[in-house]
């Protein structure tokens, strides 16, 4: 039910809808991650919906830099919280996203 609601939620302009990923101190193999490897000032999240992009004063559309399914790093300040059914999402502007993560930083597995 919640995924159907997410598909109907379309951010406008340069807005991006994200679902935060719980960061675990222990890997699926049971290994504890050292404190120095934790992303203390960044929050990992998965992109679930994107708007059409920013429009300049001349009317040119600049597409967003992320796409649905990307894993990204967010600043530690909260975006606009949106609750769809039993899941919580955050709405950020595209230029607030710090980085796109191409592979798991700790295990080396590609996303």
PDB file of N, CA and C in Angstrom:
ATOM      1  N   UNK A   1       0.818  -1.188   0.000  1.00  0.00           N
ATOM      2  CA  UNK A   1       0.000   0.000   0.000  1.00  0.00           C
ATOM      3  C   UNK A   1       0.868   1.261   0.000  1.00  0.00           C
ATOM      4  N   UNK A   2       1.950   1.263   0.795  1.00  0.00           N
ATOM      5  CA  UNK A   2       2.799   2.448   0.883  1.00  0.00           C
ATOM      6  C   UNK A   2       3.531   2.701  -0.426  1.00  0.00           C
ATOM      7  N   UNK A   3       3.986   1.652  -1.129  1.00  0.00           N
ATOM      8  CA  UNK A   3       4.713   1.874  -2.381  1.00  0.00           C
ATOM      9  C   UNK A   3       3.801   2.477  -3.444  1.00  0.00           C
ATOM     10  N   UNK A   4       2.511   2.145  -3.432  1.00  0.00           N
ATOM     11  CA  UNK A   4       1.565   2.750  -4.370  1.00  0.00           C
ATOM     12  C   UNK A   4       1.420   4.239  -4.072  1.00  0.00           C
ATOM     13  N   UNK A   5       1.407   4.599  -2.795  1.00  0.00           N
ATOM     14  CA  UNK A   5       1.307   6.007  -2.405  1.00  0.00           C
ATOM     15  C   UNK A   5       2.555   6.767  -2.836  1.00  0.00           C
ATOM     16  N   UNK A   6       3.718   6.149  -2.714  1.00  0.00           N
ATOM     17  CA  UNK A   6       4.972   6.797  -3.107  1.00  0.00           C
ATOM     18  C   UNK A   6       4.969   7.046  -4.607  1.00  0.00           C
ATOM     19  N   UNK A   7       4.464   6.106  -5.391  1.00  0.00           N
ATOM     20  CA  UNK A   7       4.414   6.282  -6.844  1.00  0.00           C
ATOM     21  C   UNK A   7       3.498   7.427  -7.240  1.00  0.00           C
ATOM     22  N   UNK A   8       2.501   7.720  -6.419  1.00  0.00           N
ATOM     23  CA  UNK A   8       1.573   8.817  -6.707  1.00  0.00           C
ATOM     24  C   UNK A   8       2.108  10.156  -6.213  1.00  0.00           C
ATOM     25  N   UNK A   9       3.156  10.144  -5.417  1.00  0.00           N
ATOM     26  CA  UNK A   9       3.756  11.371  -4.880  1.00  0.00           C
ATOM     27  C   UNK A   9       4.832  11.840  -5.849  1.00  0.00           C
ATOM     28  N   UNK A  10       4.618  12.976  -6.489  1.00  0.00           N
ATOM     29  CA  UNK A  10       5.575  13.492  -7.466  1.00  0.00           C
ATOM     30  C   UNK A  10       6.089  14.851  -6.979  1.00  0.00           C
ATOM     31  N   UNK A  11       7.357  14.911  -6.572  1.00  0.00           N
ATOM     32  CA  UNK A  11       7.926  16.193  -6.148  1.00  0.00           C
ATOM     33  C   UNK A  11       7.958  17.177  -7.326  1.00  0.00           C
ATOM     34  N   UNK A  12       7.899  18.466  -7.027  1.00  0.00           N
ATOM     35  CA  UNK A  12       7.967  19.461  -8.091  1.00  0.00           C
ATOM     36  C   UNK A  12       9.366  20.056  -8.171  1.00  0.00           C
ATOM     37  N   UNK A  13       9.667  20.600  -9.341  1.00  0.00           N
ATOM     38  CA  UNK A  13      10.928  21.285  -9.622  1.00  0.00           C
ATOM     39  C   UNK A  13      12.143  20.472  -9.179  1.00  0.00           C
ATOM     40  N   UNK A  14      12.993  21.044  -8.308  1.00  0.00           N
ATOM     41  CA  UNK A  14      14.247  20.378  -7.936  1.00  0.00           C
ATOM     42  C   UNK A  14      14.137  19.599  -6.625  1.00  0.00           C
ATOM     43  N   UNK A  15      12.924  19.262  -6.216  1.00  0.00           N
ATOM     44  CA  UNK A  15      12.732  18.525  -4.961  1.00  0.00           C
ATOM     45  C   UNK A  15      12.973  17.032  -5.177  1.00  0.00           C
ATOM     46  N   UNK A  16      13.486  16.369  -4.125  1.00  0.00           N
ATOM     47  CA  UNK A  16      13.796  14.941  -4.158  1.00  0.00           C
ATOM     48  C   UNK A  16      13.207  14.297  -2.909  1.00  0.00           C
ATOM     49  N   UNK A  17      12.449  13.215  -3.080  1.00  0.00           N
ATOM     50  CA  UNK A  17      11.875  12.475  -1.963  1.00  0.00           C
ATOM     51  C   UNK A  17      12.820  11.332  -1.617  1.00  0.00           C
ATOM     52  N   UNK A  18      13.209  11.257  -0.337  1.00  0.00           N
ATOM     53  CA  UNK A  18      14.217  10.288   0.113  1.00  0.00           C
ATOM     54  C   UNK A  18      13.708   9.494   1.301  1.00  0.00           C
ATOM     55  N   UNK A  19      14.162   8.257   1.381  1.00  0.00           N
ATOM     56  CA  UNK A  19      13.899   7.429   2.555  1.00  0.00           C
ATOM     57  C   UNK A  19      15.241   7.142   3.205  1.00  0.00           C
ATOM     58  N   UNK A  20      15.385   7.560   4.452  1.00  0.00           N
ATOM     59  CA  UNK A  20      16.658   7.364   5.150  1.00  0.00           C
ATOM     60  C   UNK A  20      16.931   5.884   5.357  1.00  0.00           C
ATOM     61  N   UNK A  21      18.208   5.539   5.303  1.00  0.00           N
ATOM     62  CA  UNK A  21      18.660   4.163   5.497  1.00  0.00           C
ATOM     63  C   UNK A  21      19.228   4.057   6.902  1.00  0.00           C
ATOM     64  N   UNK A  22      18.794   3.055   7.648  1.00  0.00           N
ATOM     65  CA  UNK A  22      19.352   2.835   8.981  1.00  0.00           C
ATOM     66  C   UNK A  22      20.795   2.390   8.840  1.00  0.00           C
ATOM     67  N   UNK A  23      21.688   3.146   9.469  1.00  0.00           N
ATOM     68  CA  UNK A  23      23.100   2.787   9.459  1.00  0.00           C
ATOM     69  C   UNK A  23      23.376   1.864  10.632  1.00  0.00           C
ATOM     70  N   UNK A  24      23.935   0.728  10.357  1.00  0.00           N
ATOM     71  CA  UNK A  24      24.195  -0.267  11.385  1.00  0.00           C
ATOM     72  C   UNK A  24      25.680  -0.271  11.753  1.00  0.00           C
ATOM     73  N   UNK A  25      25.954  -0.474  13.032  1.00  0.00           N
ATOM     74  CA  UNK A  25      27.339  -0.585  13.495  1.00  0.00           C
ATOM     75  C   UNK A  25      27.892  -1.984  13.293  1.00  0.00           C
ATOM     76  N   UNK A  26      27.041  -2.885  12.846  1.00  0.00           N
ATOM     77  CA  UNK A  26      27.456  -4.270  12.634  1.00  0.00           C
ATOM     78  C   UNK A  26      27.028  -4.686  11.234  1.00  0.00           C
ATOM     79  N   UNK A  27      27.916  -5.361  10.505  1.00  0.00           N
ATOM     80  CA  UNK A  27      27.606  -5.788   9.144  1.00  0.00           C
ATOM     81  C   UNK A  27      26.757  -7.050   9.178  1.00  0.00           C
ATOM     82  N   UNK A  28      26.235  -7.437   7.998  1.00  0.00           N
ATOM     83  CA  UNK A  28      25.428  -8.655   7.912  1.00  0.00           C
ATOM     84  C   UNK A  28      26.248  -9.904   8.243  1.00  0.00           C
ATOM     85  N   UNK A  29      27.567  -9.814   8.121  1.00  0.00           N
ATOM     86  CA  UNK A  29      28.440 -10.942   8.453  1.00  0.00           C
ATOM     87  C   UNK A  29      28.799 -10.977   9.935  1.00  0.00           C
ATOM     88  N   UNK A  30      28.318  -9.991  10.708  1.00  0.00           N
ATOM     89  CA  UNK A  30      28.570  -9.981  12.142  1.00  0.00           C
ATOM     90  C   UNK A  30      29.803  -9.204  12.560  1.00  0.00           C
ATOM     91  N   UNK A  31      30.402  -8.452  11.642  1.00  0.00           N
ATOM     92  CA  UNK A  31      31.596  -7.671  11.971  1.00  0.00           C
ATOM     93  C   UNK A  31      31.190  -6.294  12.484  1.00  0.00           C
ATOM     94  N   UNK A  32      31.831  -5.847  13.562  1.00  0.00           N
ATOM     95  CA  UNK A  32      31.570  -4.518  14.099  1.00  0.00           C
ATOM     96  C   UNK A  32      32.408  -3.488  13.345  1.00  0.00           C
ATOM     97  N   UNK A  33      31.782  -2.376  12.986  1.00  0.00           N
ATOM     98  CA  UNK A  33      32.494  -1.323  12.278  1.00  0.00           C
ATOM     99  C   UNK A  33      33.180  -0.401  13.281  1.00  0.00           C
ATOM    100  N   UNK A  34      34.430  -0.054  13.042  1.00  0.00           N
ATOM    101  CA  UNK A  34      35.120   0.875  13.937  1.00  0.00           C
ATOM    102  C   UNK A  34      34.442   2.239  13.914  1.00  0.00           C
ATOM    103  N   UNK A  35      34.579   2.977  15.002  1.00  0.00           N
ATOM    104  CA  UNK A  35      33.975   4.296  15.126  1.00  0.00           C
ATOM    105  C   UNK A  35      34.425   5.221  13.997  1.00  0.00           C
ATOM    106  N   UNK A  36      35.651   5.116  13.575  1.00  0.00           N
ATOM    107  CA  UNK A  36      36.166   6.029  12.550  1.00  0.00           C
ATOM    108  C   UNK A  36      35.507   5.816  11.193  1.00  0.00           C
ATOM    109  N   UNK A  37      34.860   4.671  10.963  1.00  0.00           N
ATOM    110  CA  UNK A  37      34.207   4.416   9.687  1.00  0.00           C
ATOM    111  C   UNK A  37      32.754   4.878   9.655  1.00  0.00           C
ATOM    112  N   UNK A  38      32.215   5.285  10.771  1.00  0.00           N
ATOM    113  CA  UNK A  38      30.816   5.713  10.804  1.00  0.00           C
ATOM    114  C   UNK A  38      30.657   7.070  10.140  1.00  0.00           C
ATOM    115  N   UNK A  39      29.543   7.251   9.461  1.00  0.00           N
ATOM    116  CA  UNK A  39      29.247   8.518   8.791  1.00  0.00           C
ATOM    117  C   UNK A  39      28.514   9.426   9.773  1.00  0.00           C
ATOM    118  N   UNK A  40      29.235   9.967  10.744  1.00  0.00           N
ATOM    119  CA  UNK A  40      28.601  10.672  11.850  1.00  0.00           C
ATOM    120  C   UNK A  40      27.906  11.964  11.425  1.00  0.00           C
ATOM    121  N   UNK A  41      28.412  12.657  10.462  1.00  0.00           N
ATOM    122  CA  UNK A  41      27.823  13.937  10.059  1.00  0.00           C
ATOM    123  C   UNK A  41      26.982  13.818   8.792  1.00  0.00           C
ATOM    124  N   UNK A  42      26.914  12.648   8.216  1.00  0.00           N
ATOM    125  CA  UNK A  42      26.135  12.425   6.996  1.00  0.00           C
ATOM    126  C   UNK A  42      25.096  11.348   7.254  1.00  0.00           C
ATOM    127  N   UNK A  43      23.994  11.454   6.534  1.00  0.00           N
ATOM    128  CA  UNK A  43      22.899  10.503   6.687  1.00  0.00           C
ATOM    129  C   UNK A  43      22.689   9.806   5.346  1.00  0.00           C
ATOM    130  N   UNK A  44      22.825   8.470   5.284  1.00  0.00           N
ATOM    131  CA  UNK A  44      22.561   7.779   4.020  1.00  0.00           C
ATOM    132  C   UNK A  44      21.056   7.673   3.772  1.00  0.00           C
ATOM    133  N   UNK A  45      20.667   7.763   2.495  1.00  0.00           N
ATOM    134  CA  UNK A  45      19.258   7.677   2.129  1.00  0.00           C
ATOM    135  C   UNK A  45      19.134   7.132   0.714  1.00  0.00           C
ATOM    136  N   UNK A  46      17.952   6.632   0.406  1.00  0.00           N
ATOM    137  CA  UNK A  46      17.659   6.115  -0.933  1.00  0.00           C
ATOM    138  C   UNK A  46      16.643   7.042  -1.598  1.00  0.00           C
ATOM    139  N   UNK A  47      16.894   7.393  -2.862  1.00  0.00           N
ATOM    140  CA  UNK A  47      16.000   8.266  -3.625  1.00  0.00           C
ATOM    141  C   UNK A  47      14.784   7.451  -4.069  1.00  0.00           C
ATOM    142  N   UNK A  48      13.580   7.948  -3.735  1.00  0.00           N
ATOM    143  CA  UNK A  48      12.354   7.238  -4.123  1.00  0.00           C
ATOM    144  C   UNK A  48      11.525   7.998  -5.152  1.00  0.00           C
ATOM    145  N   UNK A  49      11.732   9.306  -5.288  1.00  0.00           N
ATOM    146  CA  UNK A  49      11.038  10.093  -6.317  1.00  0.00           C
ATOM    147  C   UNK A  49      11.793  11.393  -6.540  1.00  0.00           C
ATOM    148  N   UNK A  50      11.785  11.880  -7.782  1.00  0.00           N
ATOM    149  CA  UNK A  50      12.456  13.139  -8.101  1.00  0.00           C
ATOM    150  C   UNK A  50      11.535  14.032  -8.923  1.00  0.00           C
ATOM    151  N   UNK A  51      11.721  15.340  -8.757  1.00  0.00           N
ATOM    152  CA  UNK A  51      10.978  16.307  -9.557  1.00  0.00           C
ATOM    153  C   UNK A  51      11.618  16.476 -10.921  1.00  0.00           C
ATOM    154  N   UNK A  52      11.071  17.370 -11.704  1.00  0.00           N
ATOM    155  CA  UNK A  52      11.539  17.582 -13.073  1.00  0.00           C
ATOM    156  C   UNK A  52      12.794  18.407 -13.200  1.00  0.00           C
ATOM    157  N   UNK A  53      13.215  19.070 -12.133  1.00  0.00           N
ATOM    158  CA  UNK A  53      14.428  19.880 -12.168  1.00  0.00           C
ATOM    159  C   UNK A  53      14.126  21.355 -11.991  1.00  0.00           C
ATOM    160  N   UNK A  54      15.163  22.103 -11.749  1.00  0.00           N
ATOM    161  CA  UNK A  54      15.049  23.552 -11.526  1.00  0.00           C
ATOM    162  C   UNK A  54      14.867  24.269 -12.869  1.00  0.00           C
ATOM    163  N   UNK A  55      14.108  25.362 -12.854  1.00  0.00           N
ATOM    164  CA  UNK A  55      13.904  26.176 -14.054  1.00  0.00           C
ATOM    165  C   UNK A  55      14.616  27.510 -13.854  1.00  0.00           C
ATOM    166  N   UNK A  56      15.470  27.872 -14.816  1.00  0.00           N
ATOM    167  CA  UNK A  56      16.216  29.123 -14.724  1.00  0.00           C
ATOM    168  C   UNK A  56      15.316  30.308 -15.082  1.00  0.00           C
ATOM    169  N   UNK A  57      15.836  31.516 -14.911  1.00  0.00           N
ATOM    170  CA  UNK A  57      15.084  32.726 -15.248  1.00  0.00           C
ATOM    171  C   UNK A  57      14.752  32.801 -16.733  1.00  0.00           C
ATOM    172  N   UNK A  58      15.575  32.172 -17.566  1.00  0.00           N
ATOM    173  CA  UNK A  58      15.328  32.175 -19.012  1.00  0.00           C
ATOM    174  C   UNK A  58      14.384  31.060 -19.444  1.00  0.00           C
ATOM    175  N   UNK A  59      13.947  30.226 -18.487  1.00  0.00           N
ATOM    176  CA  UNK A  59      13.012  29.153 -18.802  1.00  0.00           C
ATOM    177  C   UNK A  59      13.659  27.817 -19.116  1.00  0.00           C
ATOM    178  N   UNK A  60      14.967  27.758 -19.048  1.00  0.00           N
ATOM    179  CA  UNK A  60      15.671  26.497 -19.318  1.00  0.00           C
ATOM    180  C   UNK A  60      15.559  25.595 -18.090  1.00  0.00           C
ATOM    181  N   UNK A  61      15.248  24.322 -18.311  1.00  0.00           N
ATOM    182  CA  UNK A  61      15.135  23.364 -17.209  1.00  0.00           C
ATOM    183  C   UNK A  61      16.483  22.677 -16.978  1.00  0.00           C
ATOM    184  N   UNK A  62      16.920  22.684 -15.724  1.00  0.00           N
ATOM    185  CA  UNK A  62      18.156  22.000 -15.328  1.00  0.00           C
ATOM    186  C   UNK A  62      17.735  20.726 -14.600  1.00  0.00           C
ATOM    187  N   UNK A  63      18.018  19.545 -15.174  1.00  0.00           N
ATOM    188  CA  UNK A  63      17.563  18.302 -14.545  1.00  0.00           C
ATOM    189  C   UNK A  63      18.255  18.044 -13.208  1.00  0.00           C
ATOM    190  N   UNK A  64      17.577  17.288 -12.346  1.00  0.00           N
ATOM    191  CA  UNK A  64      18.164  16.907 -11.064  1.00  0.00           C
ATOM    192  C   UNK A  64      19.360  15.995 -11.300  1.00  0.00           C
ATOM    193  N   UNK A  65      20.280  15.981 -10.348  1.00  0.00           N
ATOM    194  CA  UNK A  65      21.503  15.193 -10.488  1.00  0.00           C
ATOM    195  C   UNK A  65      21.347  13.763 -10.003  1.00  0.00           C
ATOM    196  N   UNK A  66      20.233  13.454  -9.341  1.00  0.00           N
ATOM    197  CA  UNK A  66      20.007  12.086  -8.842  1.00  0.00           C
ATOM    198  C   UNK A  66      18.808  11.473  -9.544  1.00  0.00           C
ATOM    199  N   UNK A  67      18.728  10.137  -9.463  1.00  0.00           N
ATOM    200  CA  UNK A  67      17.590   9.433 -10.051  1.00  0.00           C
ATOM    201  C   UNK A  67      17.034   8.441  -9.035  1.00  0.00           C
ATOM    202  N   UNK A  68      15.838   7.978  -9.279  1.00  0.00           N
ATOM    203  CA  UNK A  68      15.192   7.018  -8.381  1.00  0.00           C
ATOM    204  C   UNK A  68      16.086   5.786  -8.240  1.00  0.00           C
ATOM    205  N   UNK A  69      16.276   5.343  -6.997  1.00  0.00           N
ATOM    206  CA  UNK A  69      17.110   4.175  -6.716  1.00  0.00           C
ATOM    207  C   UNK A  69      18.518   4.514  -6.265  1.00  0.00           C
ATOM    208  N   UNK A  70      18.976   5.745  -6.506  1.00  0.00           N
ATOM    209  CA  UNK A  70      20.317   6.144  -6.069  1.00  0.00           C
ATOM    210  C   UNK A  70      20.404   6.128  -4.552  1.00  0.00           C
ATOM    211  N   UNK A  71      21.576   5.804  -4.042  1.00  0.00           N
ATOM    212  CA  UNK A  71      21.876   5.944  -2.626  1.00  0.00           C
ATOM    213  C   UNK A  71      22.699   7.214  -2.483  1.00  0.00           C
ATOM    214  N   UNK A  72      22.290   8.078  -1.569  1.00  0.00           N
ATOM    215  CA  UNK A  72      22.927   9.388  -1.428  1.00  0.00           C
ATOM    216  C   UNK A  72      23.300   9.649   0.024  1.00  0.00           C
ATOM    217  N   UNK A  73      24.118  10.666   0.223  1.00  0.00           N
ATOM    218  CA  UNK A  73      24.450  11.141   1.557  1.00  0.00           C
ATOM    219  C   UNK A  73      23.833  12.514   1.742  1.00  0.00           C
ATOM    220  N   UNK A  74      23.169  12.699   2.893  1.00  0.00           N
ATOM    221  CA  UNK A  74      22.487  13.951   3.214  1.00  0.00           C
ATOM    222  C   UNK A  74      23.209  14.654   4.350  1.00  0.00           C
ATOM    223  N   UNK A  75      23.047  15.971   4.445  1.00  0.00           N
ATOM    224  CA  UNK A  75      23.576  16.667   5.623  1.00  0.00           C
ATOM    225  C   UNK A  75      22.796  16.232   6.856  1.00  0.00           C
ATOM    226  N   UNK A  76      23.344  16.499   8.042  1.00  0.00           N
ATOM    227  CA  UNK A  76      22.693  16.025   9.263  1.00  0.00           C
ATOM    228  C   UNK A  76      21.477  16.849   9.670  1.00  0.00           C
ATOM    229  N   UNK A  77      21.148  17.925   8.954  1.00  0.00           N
ATOM    230  CA  UNK A  77      19.926  18.669   9.278  1.00  0.00           C
ATOM    231  C   UNK A  77      18.735  18.012   8.569  1.00  0.00           C
ATOM    232  N   UNK A  78      17.565  18.042   9.188  1.00  0.00           N
ATOM    233  CA  UNK A  78      16.409  17.357   8.591  1.00  0.00           C
ATOM    234  C   UNK A  78      15.829  18.140   7.418  1.00  0.00           C
ATOM    235  N   UNK A  79      15.263  17.377   6.477  1.00  0.00           N
ATOM    236  CA  UNK A  79      14.513  17.998   5.394  1.00  0.00           C
ATOM    237  C   UNK A  79      13.070  18.155   5.858  1.00  0.00           C
ATOM    238  N   UNK A  80      12.160  18.280   4.922  1.00  0.00           N
ATOM    239  CA  UNK A  80      10.743  18.338   5.249  1.00  0.00           C
ATOM    240  C   UNK A  80      10.241  16.909   5.377  1.00  0.00           C
ATOM    241  N   UNK A  81       9.728  16.549   6.550  1.00  0.00           N
ATOM    242  CA  UNK A  81       9.275  15.177   6.795  1.00  0.00           C
ATOM    243  C   UNK A  81       7.883  14.970   6.211  1.00  0.00           C
ATOM    244  N   UNK A  82       7.738  13.854   5.508  1.00  0.00           N
ATOM    245  CA  UNK A  82       6.458  13.478   4.917  1.00  0.00           C
ATOM    246  C   UNK A  82       6.163  12.051   5.339  1.00  0.00           C
ATOM    247  N   UNK A  83       4.964  11.822   5.831  1.00  0.00           N
ATOM    248  CA  UNK A  83       4.569  10.481   6.280  1.00  0.00           C
ATOM    249  C   UNK A  83       3.535   9.946   5.307  1.00  0.00           C
ATOM    250  N   UNK A  84       3.861   8.821   4.655  1.00  0.00           N
ATOM    251  CA  UNK A  84       2.943   8.148   3.754  1.00  0.00           C
ATOM    252  C   UNK A  84       2.667   6.763   4.326  1.00  0.00           C
ATOM    253  N   UNK A  85       1.440   6.571   4.789  1.00  0.00           N
ATOM    254  CA  UNK A  85       1.035   5.359   5.489  1.00  0.00           C
ATOM    255  C   UNK A  85       1.954   5.158   6.683  1.00  0.00           C
ATOM    256  N   UNK A  86       2.656   4.048   6.780  1.00  0.00           N
ATOM    257  CA  UNK A  86       3.477   3.776   7.964  1.00  0.00           C
ATOM    258  C   UNK A  86       4.957   4.084   7.744  1.00  0.00           C
ATOM    259  N   UNK A  87       5.311   4.762   6.648  1.00  0.00           N
ATOM    260  CA  UNK A  87       6.711   5.049   6.358  1.00  0.00           C
ATOM    261  C   UNK A  87       6.961   6.550   6.374  1.00  0.00           C
ATOM    262  N   UNK A  88       8.178   6.912   6.795  1.00  0.00           N
ATOM    263  CA  UNK A  88       8.555   8.313   6.879  1.00  0.00           C
ATOM    264  C   UNK A  88       9.589   8.629   5.809  1.00  0.00           C
ATOM    265  N   UNK A  89       9.378   9.743   5.115  1.00  0.00           N
ATOM    266  CA  UNK A  89      10.261  10.186   4.049  1.00  0.00           C
ATOM    267  C   UNK A  89      10.699  11.619   4.332  1.00  0.00           C
ATOM    268  N   UNK A  90      11.756  12.045   3.652  1.00  0.00           N
ATOM    269  CA  UNK A  90      12.252  13.417   3.769  1.00  0.00           C
ATOM    270  C   UNK A  90      12.285  14.033   2.377  1.00  0.00           C
ATOM    271  N   UNK A  91      11.916  15.294   2.301  1.00  0.00           N
ATOM    272  CA  UNK A  91      11.947  16.028   1.044  1.00  0.00           C
ATOM    273  C   UNK A  91      13.080  17.053   1.120  1.00  0.00           C
ATOM    274  N   UNK A  92      14.015  16.962   0.178  1.00  0.00           N
ATOM    275  CA  UNK A  92      15.165  17.867   0.098  1.00  0.00           C
ATOM    276  C   UNK A  92      15.216  18.495  -1.284  1.00  0.00           C
ATOM    277  N   UNK A  93      15.918  19.602  -1.405  1.00  0.00           N
ATOM    278  CA  UNK A  93      16.220  20.155  -2.715  1.00  0.00           C
ATOM    279  C   UNK A  93      17.441  19.412  -3.246  1.00  0.00           C
ATOM    280  N   UNK A  94      17.515  19.290  -4.562  1.00  0.00           N
ATOM    281  CA  UNK A  94      18.597  18.543  -5.198  1.00  0.00           C
ATOM    282  C   UNK A  94      19.975  19.049  -4.773  1.00  0.00           C
ATOM    283  N   UNK A  95      20.145  20.355  -4.655  1.00  0.00           N
ATOM    284  CA  UNK A  95      21.473  20.889  -4.322  1.00  0.00           C
ATOM    285  C   UNK A  95      21.841  20.732  -2.842  1.00  0.00           C
ATOM    286  N   UNK A  96      20.936  20.213  -2.017  1.00  0.00           N
ATOM    287  CA  UNK A  96      21.261  19.923  -0.616  1.00  0.00           C
ATOM    288  C   UNK A  96      21.915  18.546  -0.459  1.00  0.00           C
ATOM    289  N   UNK A  97      21.776  17.697  -1.467  1.00  0.00           N
ATOM    290  CA  UNK A  97      22.350  16.347  -1.405  1.00  0.00           C
ATOM    291  C   UNK A  97      23.862  16.452  -1.547  1.00  0.00           C
ATOM    292  N   UNK A  98      24.582  15.806  -0.629  1.00  0.00           N
ATOM    293  CA  UNK A  98      26.040  15.944  -0.587  1.00  0.00           C
ATOM    294  C   UNK A  98      26.766  15.069  -1.600  1.00  0.00           C
ATOM    295  N   UNK A  99      26.289  13.827  -1.803  1.00  0.00           N
ATOM    296  CA  UNK A  99      26.996  12.897  -2.686  1.00  0.00           C
ATOM    297  C   UNK A  99      26.090  11.746  -3.078  1.00  0.00           C
ATOM    298  N   UNK A 100      26.413  11.148  -4.225  1.00  0.00           N
ATOM    299  CA  UNK A 100      25.784   9.894  -4.641  1.00  0.00           C
ATOM    300  C   UNK A 100      26.798   8.803  -4.347  1.00  0.00           C
ATOM    301  N   UNK A 101      26.359   7.744  -3.667  1.00  0.00           N
ATOM    302  CA  UNK A 101      27.249   6.645  -3.296  1.00  0.00           C
ATOM    303  C   UNK A 101      27.087   5.539  -4.331  1.00  0.00           C
ATOM    304  N   UNK A 102      28.168   5.213  -5.027  1.00  0.00           N
ATOM    305  CA  UNK A 102      28.118   4.216  -6.093  1.00  0.00           C
ATOM    306  C   UNK A 102      28.287   2.784  -5.596  1.00  0.00           C
ATOM    307  N   UNK A 103      28.901   2.628  -4.413  1.00  0.00           N
ATOM    308  CA  UNK A 103      29.033   1.292  -3.834  1.00  0.00           C
ATOM    309  C   UNK A 103      29.044   1.401  -2.322  1.00  0.00           C
ATOM    310  N   UNK A 104      28.760   0.305  -1.654  1.00  0.00           N
ATOM    311  CA  UNK A 104      28.753   0.289  -0.201  1.00  0.00           C
ATOM    312  C   UNK A 104      30.154   0.659   0.282  1.00  0.00           C
ATOM    313  N   UNK A 105      30.251   1.697   1.079  1.00  0.00           N
ATOM    314  CA  UNK A 105      31.553   2.199   1.527  1.00  0.00           C
ATOM    315  C   UNK A 105      32.287   1.226   2.436  1.00  0.00           C
ATOM    316  N   UNK A 106      31.595   0.256   2.971  1.00  0.00           N
ATOM    317  CA  UNK A 106      32.213  -0.619   3.967  1.00  0.00           C
ATOM    318  C   UNK A 106      32.450  -2.032   3.449  1.00  0.00           C
ATOM    319  N   UNK A 107      31.608  -2.517   2.554  1.00  0.00           N
ATOM    320  CA  UNK A 107      31.775  -3.884   2.087  1.00  0.00           C
ATOM    321  C   UNK A 107      32.299  -3.956   0.663  1.00  0.00           C
ATOM    322  N   UNK A 108      32.203  -2.840  -0.083  1.00  0.00           N
ATOM    323  CA  UNK A 108      32.652  -2.837  -1.455  1.00  0.00           C
ATOM    324  C   UNK A 108      31.601  -3.341  -2.440  1.00  0.00           C
ATOM    325  N   UNK A 109      30.426  -3.739  -1.964  1.00  0.00           N
ATOM    326  CA  UNK A 109      29.370  -4.201  -2.861  1.00  0.00           C
ATOM    327  C   UNK A 109      28.799  -3.024  -3.630  1.00  0.00           C
ATOM    328  N   UNK A 110      28.572  -3.202  -4.924  1.00  0.00           N
ATOM    329  CA  UNK A 110      27.976  -2.151  -5.744  1.00  0.00           C
ATOM    330  C   UNK A 110      26.490  -2.065  -5.488  1.00  0.00           C
ATOM    331  N   UNK A 111      25.973  -0.865  -5.589  1.00  0.00           N
ATOM    332  CA  UNK A 111      24.527  -0.668  -5.467  1.00  0.00           C
ATOM    333  C   UNK A 111      23.872  -0.839  -6.800  1.00  0.00           C
TER     334      UNK A 111
END
